[in-house]
Amino acid sequence: MVPAGGAIHEMVLGPPQPVEVP
């Protein structure tokens, strides 16, 4: 699953990844 704005990453990893977050 690929979050549109790194929302999933924000909840799981913490900070949103620059790869998926413009």
PDB file of N, CA and C in Angstrom:
ATOM      1  N   MET A   1       0.837  -1.195   0.000  1.00  0.00           N
ATOM      2  CA  MET A   1       0.000   0.000   0.000  1.00  0.00           C
ATOM      3  C   MET A   1       0.881   1.257   0.000  1.00  0.00           C
ATOM      4  N   VAL A   2       0.490   2.220  -0.823  1.00  0.00           N
ATOM      5  CA  VAL A   2       1.291   3.437  -0.955  1.00  0.00           C
ATOM      6  C   VAL A   2       0.475   4.653  -0.537  1.00  0.00           C
ATOM      7  N   PRO A   3       0.842   5.236   0.605  1.00  0.00           N
ATOM      8  CA  PRO A   3       0.145   6.426   1.111  1.00  0.00           C
ATOM      9  C   PRO A   3       0.345   7.607   0.190  1.00  0.00           C
ATOM     10  N   ALA A   4      -0.712   8.422   0.032  1.00  0.00           N
ATOM     11  CA  ALA A   4      -0.655   9.547  -0.902  1.00  0.00           C
ATOM     12  C   ALA A   4       0.268  10.646  -0.382  1.00  0.00           C
ATOM     13  N   GLY A   5       0.340  10.761   0.946  1.00  0.00           N
ATOM     14  CA  GLY A   5       1.161  11.843   1.493  1.00  0.00           C
ATOM     15  C   GLY A   5       2.050  11.370   2.620  1.00  0.00           C
ATOM     16  N   GLY A   6       2.239  10.055   2.703  1.00  0.00           N
ATOM     17  CA  GLY A   6       3.092   9.517   3.756  1.00  0.00           C
ATOM     18  C   GLY A   6       2.355   9.438   5.080  1.00  0.00           C
ATOM     19  N   ALA A   7       1.012   9.366   5.009  1.00  0.00           N
ATOM     20  CA  ALA A   7       0.204   9.327   6.232  1.00  0.00           C
ATOM     21  C   ALA A   7       0.488   8.046   7.012  1.00  0.00           C
ATOM     22  N   ILE A   8       0.630   6.945   6.274  1.00  0.00           N
ATOM     23  CA  ILE A   8       0.901   5.655   6.911  1.00  0.00           C
ATOM     24  C   ILE A   8       2.293   5.686   7.551  1.00  0.00           C
ATOM     25  N   HIS A   9       3.235   6.261   6.837  1.00  0.00           N
ATOM     26  CA  HIS A   9       4.601   6.355   7.350  1.00  0.00           C
ATOM     27  C   HIS A   9       4.655   7.223   8.600  1.00  0.00           C
ATOM     28  N   GLU A  10       3.792   8.225   8.606  1.00  0.00           N
ATOM     29  CA  GLU A  10       3.775   9.150   9.732  1.00  0.00           C
ATOM     30  C   GLU A  10       3.330   8.422  10.998  1.00  0.00           C
ATOM     31  N   MET A  11       2.418   7.462  10.821  1.00  0.00           N
ATOM     32  CA  MET A  11       1.892   6.733  11.975  1.00  0.00           C
ATOM     33  C   MET A  11       2.818   5.591  12.374  1.00  0.00           C
ATOM     34  N   VAL A  12       3.455   4.965  11.385  1.00  0.00           N
ATOM     35  CA  VAL A  12       4.288   3.797  11.659  1.00  0.00           C
ATOM     36  C   VAL A  12       5.735   4.185  11.967  1.00  0.00           C
ATOM     37  N   LEU A  13       6.359   4.920  11.052  1.00  0.00           N
ATOM     38  CA  LEU A  13       7.773   5.255  11.207  1.00  0.00           C
ATOM     39  C   LEU A  13       7.961   6.533  12.016  1.00  0.00           C
ATOM     40  N   GLY A  14       6.971   7.412  11.966  1.00  0.00           N
ATOM     41  CA  GLY A  14       7.073   8.675  12.693  1.00  0.00           C
ATOM     42  C   GLY A  14       7.008   9.832  11.700  1.00  0.00           C
ATOM     43  N   PRO A  15       8.164  10.357  11.306  1.00  0.00           N
ATOM     44  CA  PRO A  15       8.190  11.443  10.318  1.00  0.00           C
ATOM     45  C   PRO A  15       7.943  10.911   8.921  1.00  0.00           C
ATOM     46  N   PRO A  16       7.194  11.649   8.082  1.00  0.00           N
ATOM     47  CA  PRO A  16       6.921  11.246   6.711  1.00  0.00           C
ATOM     48  C   PRO A  16       8.206  11.193   5.888  1.00  0.00           C
ATOM     49  N   GLN A  17       8.301  10.196   5.004  1.00  0.00           N
ATOM     50  CA  GLN A  17       9.503  10.043   4.200  1.00  0.00           C
ATOM     51  C   GLN A  17       9.509  11.024   3.029  1.00  0.00           C
ATOM     52  N   PRO A  18      10.668  11.614   2.741  1.00  0.00           N
ATOM     53  CA  PRO A  18      10.830  12.585   1.654  1.00  0.00           C
ATOM     54  C   PRO A  18      10.635  11.946   0.284  1.00  0.00           C
ATOM     55  N   VAL A  19      10.616  10.621   0.246  1.00  0.00           N
ATOM     56  CA  VAL A  19      10.458   9.913  -1.020  1.00  0.00           C
ATOM     57  C   VAL A  19       9.032  10.048  -1.528  1.00  0.00           C
ATOM     58  N   GLU A  20       8.078   9.962  -0.601  1.00  0.00           N
ATOM     59  CA  GLU A  20       6.673  10.020  -1.006  1.00  0.00           C
ATOM     60  C   GLU A  20       6.047  11.378  -0.688  1.00  0.00           C
ATOM     61  N   VAL A  21       6.737  12.153   0.142  1.00  0.00           N
ATOM     62  CA  VAL A  21       6.217  13.469   0.515  1.00  0.00           C
ATOM     63  C   VAL A  21       6.964  14.569  -0.228  1.00  0.00           C
ATOM     64  N   PRO A  22       6.288  15.231  -1.105  1.00  0.00           N
ATOM     65  CA  PRO A  22       6.888  16.295  -1.912  1.00  0.00           C
ATOM     66  C   PRO A  22       7.319  17.502  -1.071  1.00  0.00           C
TER      67      PRO A  22
END
